Amino acid sequence: MSYSQDTHHEEEHIHMPSPSWAPIILAFGMTVLAFSIIWRESAAGLAGLIIGVIITVLGLGMWIADEIKNASAPAAH
């Protein structure tokens, strides 16, 4: 058996997470939050704060749910 055949069998599978919109949604929510903090003295600042919190929590929840789903999925070989 040659060296290349030995290394082929010993290689580990690299796990790649499934694609998700969660990081983009989380980043958008955090951006809305940041701008609402800057403009907190206006009515739009308060509305932006509420909307930003909702979007941020939604994005974070989606990301956590995706990670739980990926962790419980069987490893594909």
PDB file of N, CA and C in Angstrom:
ATOM      1  N   MET A   1       0.838  -1.161   0.000  1.00  0.00           N
ATOM      2  CA  MET A   1       0.000   0.000   0.000  1.00  0.00           C
ATOM      3  C   MET A   1       0.898   1.244   0.000  1.00  0.00           C
ATOM      4  N   SER A   2       0.571   2.180  -0.845  1.00  0.00           N
ATOM      5  CA  SER A   2       1.398   3.377  -0.945  1.00  0.00           C
ATOM      6  C   SER A   2       0.972   4.411   0.087  1.00  0.00           C
ATOM      7  N   TYR A   3       1.779   5.435   0.219  1.00  0.00           N
ATOM      8  CA  TYR A   3       1.518   6.496   1.195  1.00  0.00           C
ATOM      9  C   TYR A   3       0.218   7.236   0.874  1.00  0.00           C
ATOM     10  N   SER A   4      -0.063   7.487  -0.407  1.00  0.00           N
ATOM     11  CA  SER A   4      -1.263   8.242  -0.780  1.00  0.00           C
ATOM     12  C   SER A   4      -2.533   7.473  -0.429  1.00  0.00           C
ATOM     13  N   GLN A   5      -2.504   6.148  -0.528  1.00  0.00           N
ATOM     14  CA  GLN A   5      -3.675   5.362  -0.145  1.00  0.00           C
ATOM     15  C   GLN A   5      -3.883   5.400   1.364  1.00  0.00           C
ATOM     16  N   ASP A   6      -2.800   5.395   2.149  1.00  0.00           N
ATOM     17  CA  ASP A   6      -2.920   5.455   3.602  1.00  0.00           C
ATOM     18  C   ASP A   6      -3.535   6.780   4.053  1.00  0.00           C
ATOM     19  N   THR A   7      -3.105   7.880   3.472  1.00  0.00           N
ATOM     20  CA  THR A   7      -3.615   9.181   3.898  1.00  0.00           C
ATOM     21  C   THR A   7      -5.055   9.391   3.457  1.00  0.00           C
ATOM     22  N   HIS A   8      -5.448   8.766   2.358  1.00  0.00           N
ATOM     23  CA  HIS A   8      -6.823   8.917   1.884  1.00  0.00           C
ATOM     24  C   HIS A   8      -7.809   8.343   2.891  1.00  0.00           C
ATOM     25  N   HIS A   9      -7.488   7.244   3.503  1.00  0.00           N
ATOM     26  CA  HIS A   9      -8.391   6.611   4.460  1.00  0.00           C
ATOM     27  C   HIS A   9      -8.380   7.305   5.817  1.00  0.00           C
ATOM     28  N   GLU A  10      -7.336   8.046   6.131  1.00  0.00           N
ATOM     29  CA  GLU A  10      -7.217   8.681   7.428  1.00  0.00           C
ATOM     30  C   GLU A  10      -7.749  10.115   7.456  1.00  0.00           C
ATOM     31  N   GLU A  11      -8.136  10.653   6.307  1.00  0.00           N
ATOM     32  CA  GLU A  11      -8.626  12.029   6.265  1.00  0.00           C
ATOM     33  C   GLU A  11      -9.958  12.131   7.003  1.00  0.00           C
ATOM     34  N   GLU A  12     -10.105  13.220   7.735  1.00  0.00           N
ATOM     35  CA  GLU A  12     -11.356  13.467   8.439  1.00  0.00           C
ATOM     36  C   GLU A  12     -12.300  14.258   7.553  1.00  0.00           C
ATOM     37  N   HIS A  13     -13.572  14.041   7.789  1.00  0.00           N
ATOM     38  CA  HIS A  13     -14.588  14.799   7.074  1.00  0.00           C
ATOM     39  C   HIS A  13     -14.697  16.192   7.710  1.00  0.00           C
ATOM     40  N   ILE A  14     -14.686  17.224   6.889  1.00  0.00           N
ATOM     41  CA  ILE A  14     -14.830  18.589   7.386  1.00  0.00           C
ATOM     42  C   ILE A  14     -16.307  18.936   7.351  1.00  0.00           C
ATOM     43  N   HIS A  15     -16.850  19.270   8.519  1.00  0.00           N
ATOM     44  CA  HIS A  15     -18.277  19.596   8.612  1.00  0.00           C
ATOM     45  C   HIS A  15     -18.494  21.041   8.192  1.00  0.00           C
ATOM     46  N   MET A  16     -19.368  21.226   7.234  1.00  0.00           N
ATOM     47  CA  MET A  16     -19.759  22.562   6.814  1.00  0.00           C
ATOM     48  C   MET A  16     -21.220  22.772   7.202  1.00  0.00           C
ATOM     49  N   PRO A  17     -21.534  23.871   7.873  1.00  0.00           N
ATOM     50  CA  PRO A  17     -22.929  24.099   8.253  1.00  0.00           C
ATOM     51  C   PRO A  17     -23.792  24.373   7.027  1.00  0.00           C
ATOM     52  N   SER A  18     -25.073  24.089   7.155  1.00  0.00           N
ATOM     53  CA  SER A  18     -25.983  24.351   6.051  1.00  0.00           C
ATOM     54  C   SER A  18     -26.178  25.862   5.899  1.00  0.00           C
ATOM     55  N   PRO A  19     -26.467  26.325   4.694  1.00  0.00           N
ATOM     56  CA  PRO A  19     -26.668  27.757   4.475  1.00  0.00           C
ATOM     57  C   PRO A  19     -27.847  28.288   5.296  1.00  0.00           C
ATOM     58  N   SER A  20     -27.719  29.529   5.739  1.00  0.00           N
ATOM     59  CA  SER A  20     -28.755  30.099   6.591  1.00  0.00           C
ATOM     60  C   SER A  20     -28.851  31.610   6.380  1.00  0.00           C
ATOM     61  N   TRP A  21     -30.068  32.118   6.510  1.00  0.00           N
ATOM     62  CA  TRP A  21     -30.299  33.562   6.456  1.00  0.00           C
ATOM     63  C   TRP A  21     -30.127  34.210   7.818  1.00  0.00           C
ATOM     64  N   ALA A  22     -30.001  33.399   8.861  1.00  0.00           N
ATOM     65  CA  ALA A  22     -29.965  33.912  10.227  1.00  0.00           C
ATOM     66  C   ALA A  22     -28.851  34.948  10.471  1.00  0.00           C
ATOM     67  N   PRO A  23     -27.614  34.734  10.026  1.00  0.00           N
ATOM     68  CA  PRO A  23     -26.585  35.757  10.277  1.00  0.00           C
ATOM     69  C   PRO A  23     -26.899  37.101   9.621  1.00  0.00           C
ATOM     70  N   ILE A  24     -27.510  37.058   8.449  1.00  0.00           N
ATOM     71  CA  ILE A  24     -27.846  38.297   7.750  1.00  0.00           C
ATOM     72  C   ILE A  24     -28.974  39.021   8.488  1.00  0.00           C
ATOM     73  N   ILE A  25     -29.976  38.265   8.935  1.00  0.00           N
ATOM     74  CA  ILE A  25     -31.087  38.865   9.687  1.00  0.00           C
ATOM     75  C   ILE A  25     -30.582  39.449  11.006  1.00  0.00           C
ATOM     76  N   LEU A  26     -29.711  38.713  11.692  1.00  0.00           N
ATOM     77  CA  LEU A  26     -29.141  39.206  12.946  1.00  0.00           C
ATOM     78  C   LEU A  26     -28.339  40.487  12.720  1.00  0.00           C
ATOM     79  N   ALA A  27     -27.526  40.513  11.678  1.00  0.00           N
ATOM     80  CA  ALA A  27     -26.740  41.712  11.378  1.00  0.00           C
ATOM     81  C   ALA A  27     -27.641  42.901  11.040  1.00  0.00           C
ATOM     82  N   PHE A  28     -28.710  42.654  10.311  1.00  0.00           N
ATOM     83  CA  PHE A  28     -29.644  43.726   9.978  1.00  0.00           C
ATOM     84  C   PHE A  28     -30.317  44.272  11.238  1.00  0.00           C
ATOM     85  N   GLY A  29     -30.750  43.378  12.113  1.00  0.00           N
ATOM     86  CA  GLY A  29     -31.376  43.805  13.365  1.00  0.00           C
ATOM     87  C   GLY A  29     -30.431  44.619  14.225  1.00  0.00           C
ATOM     88  N   MET A  30     -29.173  44.209  14.284  1.00  0.00           N
ATOM     89  CA  MET A  30     -28.196  44.950  15.082  1.00  0.00           C
ATOM     90  C   MET A  30     -27.899  46.311  14.457  1.00  0.00           C
ATOM     91  N   THR A  31     -27.948  46.385  13.133  1.00  0.00           N
ATOM     92  CA  THR A  31     -27.746  47.664  12.454  1.00  0.00           C
ATOM     93  C   THR A  31     -28.907  48.616  12.759  1.00  0.00           C
ATOM     94  N   VAL A  32     -30.131  48.102  12.710  1.00  0.00           N
ATOM     95  CA  VAL A  32     -31.295  48.926  13.047  1.00  0.00           C
ATOM     96  C   VAL A  32     -31.191  49.404  14.493  1.00  0.00           C
ATOM     97  N   LEU A  33     -30.765  48.509  15.394  1.00  0.00           N
ATOM     98  CA  LEU A  33     -30.579  48.900  16.794  1.00  0.00           C
ATOM     99  C   LEU A  33     -29.541  50.015  16.935  1.00  0.00           C
ATOM    100  N   ALA A  34     -28.431  49.883  16.234  1.00  0.00           N
ATOM    101  CA  ALA A  34     -27.373  50.887  16.339  1.00  0.00           C
ATOM    102  C   ALA A  34     -27.855  52.258  15.862  1.00  0.00           C
ATOM    103  N   PHE A  35     -28.562  52.284  14.740  1.00  0.00           N
ATOM    104  CA  PHE A  35     -29.067  53.560  14.245  1.00  0.00           C
ATOM    105  C   PHE A  35     -30.147  54.132  15.154  1.00  0.00           C
ATOM    106  N   SER A  36     -30.955  53.261  15.754  1.00  0.00           N
ATOM    107  CA  SER A  36     -31.995  53.772  16.647  1.00  0.00           C
ATOM    108  C   SER A  36     -31.397  54.336  17.930  1.00  0.00           C
ATOM    109  N   ILE A  37     -30.263  53.806  18.358  1.00  0.00           N
ATOM    110  CA  ILE A  37     -29.578  54.365  19.533  1.00  0.00           C
ATOM    111  C   ILE A  37     -29.016  55.746  19.204  1.00  0.00           C
ATOM    112  N   ILE A  38     -28.511  55.904  17.986  1.00  0.00           N
ATOM    113  CA  ILE A  38     -27.977  57.202  17.564  1.00  0.00           C
ATOM    114  C   ILE A  38     -29.098  58.242  17.530  1.00  0.00           C
ATOM    115  N   TRP A  39     -30.275  57.857  16.999  1.00  0.00           N
ATOM    116  CA  TRP A  39     -31.399  58.792  16.857  1.00  0.00           C
ATOM    117  C   TRP A  39     -32.451  58.547  17.935  1.00  0.00           C
ATOM    118  N   ARG A  40     -32.048  58.271  19.147  1.00  0.00           N
ATOM    119  CA  ARG A  40     -32.981  57.879  20.210  1.00  0.00           C
ATOM    120  C   ARG A  40     -33.901  59.003  20.664  1.00  0.00           C
ATOM    121  N   GLU A  41     -33.610  60.240  20.344  1.00  0.00           N
ATOM    122  CA  GLU A  41     -34.433  61.339  20.818  1.00  0.00           C
ATOM    123  C   GLU A  41     -35.627  61.613  19.913  1.00  0.00           C
ATOM    124  N   SER A  42     -35.727  60.924  18.807  1.00  0.00           N
ATOM    125  CA  SER A  42     -36.873  61.137  17.912  1.00  0.00           C
ATOM    126  C   SER A  42     -37.847  59.966  18.031  1.00  0.00           C
ATOM    127  N   ALA A  43     -39.034  60.154  17.480  1.00  0.00           N
ATOM    128  CA  ALA A  43     -40.041  59.076  17.497  1.00  0.00           C
ATOM    129  C   ALA A  43     -39.564  57.895  16.660  1.00  0.00           C
ATOM    130  N   ALA A  44     -38.839  58.186  15.596  1.00  0.00           N
ATOM    131  CA  ALA A  44     -38.317  57.110  14.760  1.00  0.00           C
ATOM    132  C   ALA A  44     -37.282  56.287  15.522  1.00  0.00           C
ATOM    133  N   GLY A  45     -36.580  56.915  16.445  1.00  0.00           N
ATOM    134  CA  GLY A  45     -35.596  56.193  17.250  1.00  0.00           C
ATOM    135  C   GLY A  45     -36.234  55.158  18.144  1.00  0.00           C
ATOM    136  N   LEU A  46     -37.366  55.510  18.752  1.00  0.00           N
ATOM    137  CA  LEU A  46     -38.077  54.556  19.614  1.00  0.00           C
ATOM    138  C   LEU A  46     -38.662  53.416  18.792  1.00  0.00           C
ATOM    139  N   ALA A  47     -39.260  53.741  17.652  1.00  0.00           N
ATOM    140  CA  ALA A  47     -39.812  52.706  16.777  1.00  0.00           C
ATOM    141  C   ALA A  47     -38.693  51.803  16.252  1.00  0.00           C
ATOM    142  N   GLY A  48     -37.581  52.409  15.888  1.00  0.00           N
ATOM    143  CA  GLY A  48     -36.438  51.633  15.409  1.00  0.00           C
ATOM    144  C   GLY A  48     -35.870  50.719  16.479  1.00  0.00           C
ATOM    145  N   LEU A  49     -35.883  51.201  17.709  1.00  0.00           N
ATOM    146  CA  LEU A  49     -35.398  50.384  18.817  1.00  0.00           C
ATOM    147  C   LEU A  49     -36.259  49.135  18.996  1.00  0.00           C
ATOM    148  N   ILE A  50     -37.558  49.323  18.960  1.00  0.00           N
ATOM    149  CA  ILE A  50     -38.475  48.182  19.111  1.00  0.00           C
ATOM    150  C   ILE A  50     -38.333  47.209  17.935  1.00  0.00           C
ATOM    151  N   ILE A  51     -38.317  47.736  16.735  1.00  0.00           N
ATOM    152  CA  ILE A  51     -38.169  46.893  15.546  1.00  0.00           C
ATOM    153  C   ILE A  51     -36.807  46.202  15.542  1.00  0.00           C
ATOM    154  N   GLY A  52     -35.757  46.933  15.913  1.00  0.00           N
ATOM    155  CA  GLY A  52     -34.414  46.353  15.953  1.00  0.00           C
ATOM    156  C   GLY A  52     -34.294  45.216  16.951  1.00  0.00           C
ATOM    157  N   VAL A  53     -34.917  45.383  18.118  1.00  0.00           N
ATOM    158  CA  VAL A  53     -34.891  44.313  19.122  1.00  0.00           C
ATOM    159  C   VAL A  53     -35.616  43.080  18.589  1.00  0.00           C
ATOM    160  N   ILE A  54     -36.769  43.279  17.967  1.00  0.00           N
ATOM    161  CA  ILE A  54     -37.541  42.150  17.431  1.00  0.00           C
ATOM    162  C   ILE A  54     -36.746  41.409  16.354  1.00  0.00           C
ATOM    163  N   ILE A  55     -36.156  42.146  15.421  1.00  0.00           N
ATOM    164  CA  ILE A  55     -35.390  41.518  14.339  1.00  0.00           C
ATOM    165  C   ILE A  55     -34.156  40.819  14.890  1.00  0.00           C
ATOM    166  N   THR A  56     -33.473  41.443  15.852  1.00  0.00           N
ATOM    167  CA  THR A  56     -32.269  40.841  16.443  1.00  0.00           C
ATOM    168  C   THR A  56     -32.609  39.545  17.165  1.00  0.00           C
ATOM    169  N   VAL A  57     -33.660  39.553  17.950  1.00  0.00           N
ATOM    170  CA  VAL A  57     -34.062  38.336  18.673  1.00  0.00           C
ATOM    171  C   VAL A  57     -34.492  37.255  17.682  1.00  0.00           C
ATOM    172  N   LEU A  58     -35.203  37.637  16.639  1.00  0.00           N
ATOM    173  CA  LEU A  58     -35.619  36.685  15.611  1.00  0.00           C
ATOM    174  C   LEU A  58     -34.396  36.049  14.933  1.00  0.00           C
ATOM    175  N   GLY A  59     -33.437  36.875  14.524  1.00  0.00           N
ATOM    176  CA  GLY A  59     -32.227  36.360  13.875  1.00  0.00           C
ATOM    177  C   GLY A  59     -31.419  35.463  14.791  1.00  0.00           C
ATOM    178  N   LEU A  60     -31.282  35.857  16.049  1.00  0.00           N
ATOM    179  CA  LEU A  60     -30.534  35.039  17.006  1.00  0.00           C
ATOM    180  C   LEU A  60     -31.249  33.716  17.263  1.00  0.00           C
ATOM    181  N   GLY A  61     -32.558  33.757  17.393  1.00  0.00           N
ATOM    182  CA  GLY A  61     -33.330  32.533  17.596  1.00  0.00           C
ATOM    183  C   GLY A  61     -33.222  31.593  16.409  1.00  0.00           C
ATOM    184  N   MET A  62     -33.285  32.152  15.190  1.00  0.00           N
ATOM    185  CA  MET A  62     -33.132  31.320  13.994  1.00  0.00           C
ATOM    186  C   MET A  62     -31.758  30.666  13.951  1.00  0.00           C
ATOM    187  N   TRP A  63     -30.729  31.435  14.297  1.00  0.00           N
ATOM    188  CA  TRP A  63     -29.367  30.918  14.260  1.00  0.00           C
ATOM    189  C   TRP A  63     -29.195  29.788  15.284  1.00  0.00           C
ATOM    190  N   ILE A  64     -29.698  29.991  16.480  1.00  0.00           N
ATOM    191  CA  ILE A  64     -29.601  28.948  17.510  1.00  0.00           C
ATOM    192  C   ILE A  64     -30.372  27.700  17.080  1.00  0.00           C
ATOM    193  N   ALA A  65     -31.570  27.884  16.512  1.00  0.00           N
ATOM    194  CA  ALA A  65     -32.360  26.739  16.047  1.00  0.00           C
ATOM    195  C   ALA A  65     -31.624  25.986  14.932  1.00  0.00           C
ATOM    196  N   ASP A  66     -30.979  26.729  14.021  1.00  0.00           N
ATOM    197  CA  ASP A  66     -30.207  26.078  12.959  1.00  0.00           C
ATOM    198  C   ASP A  66     -29.049  25.274  13.533  1.00  0.00           C
ATOM    199  N   GLU A  67     -28.378  25.821  14.526  1.00  0.00           N
ATOM    200  CA  GLU A  67     -27.253  25.114  15.130  1.00  0.00           C
ATOM    201  C   GLU A  67     -27.699  23.859  15.877  1.00  0.00           C
ATOM    202  N   ILE A  68     -28.833  23.929  16.543  1.00  0.00           N
ATOM    203  CA  ILE A  68     -29.363  22.749  17.226  1.00  0.00           C
ATOM    204  C   ILE A  68     -29.735  21.683  16.204  1.00  0.00           C
ATOM    205  N   LYS A  69     -30.349  22.117  15.103  1.00  0.00           N
ATOM    206  CA  LYS A  69     -30.726  21.172  14.043  1.00  0.00           C
ATOM    207  C   LYS A  69     -29.485  20.542  13.416  1.00  0.00           C
ATOM    208  N   ASN A  70     -28.445  21.335  13.166  1.00  0.00           N
ATOM    209  CA  ASN A  70     -27.201  20.805  12.585  1.00  0.00           C
ATOM    210  C   ASN A  70     -26.482  19.874  13.547  1.00  0.00           C
ATOM    211  N   ALA A  71     -26.520  20.167  14.830  1.00  0.00           N
ATOM    212  CA  ALA A  71     -25.830  19.329  15.813  1.00  0.00           C
ATOM    213  C   ALA A  71     -26.524  17.985  15.975  1.00  0.00           C
ATOM    214  N   SER A  72     -27.839  17.955  15.837  1.00  0.00           N
ATOM    215  CA  SER A  72     -28.560  16.706  16.022  1.00  0.00           C
ATOM    216  C   SER A  72     -28.674  15.891  14.742  1.00  0.00           C
ATOM    217  N   ALA A  73     -28.281  16.471  13.612  1.00  0.00           N
ATOM    218  CA  ALA A  73     -28.331  15.744  12.343  1.00  0.00           C
ATOM    219  C   ALA A  73     -27.221  14.698  12.295  1.00  0.00           C
ATOM    220  N   PRO A  74     -27.490  13.556  11.705  1.00  0.00           N
ATOM    221  CA  PRO A  74     -26.440  12.538  11.596  1.00  0.00           C
ATOM    222  C   PRO A  74     -25.330  13.013  10.665  1.00  0.00           C
ATOM    223  N   ALA A  75     -24.120  12.629  10.983  1.00  0.00           N
ATOM    224  CA  ALA A  75     -22.963  13.028  10.169  1.00  0.00           C
ATOM    225  C   ALA A  75     -22.996  12.272   8.843  1.00  0.00           C
ATOM    226  N   ALA A  76     -22.838  12.997   7.756  1.00  0.00           N
ATOM    227  CA  ALA A  76     -22.799  12.369   6.432  1.00  0.00           C
ATOM    228  C   ALA A  76     -21.361  12.019   6.088  1.00  0.00           C
ATOM    229  N   HIS A  77     -21.147  10.787   5.719  1.00  0.00           N
ATOM    230  CA  HIS A  77     -19.781  10.349   5.351  1.00  0.00           C
ATOM    231  C   HIS A  77     -19.726  10.016   3.898  1.00  0.00           C
TER     232      HIS A  77
END
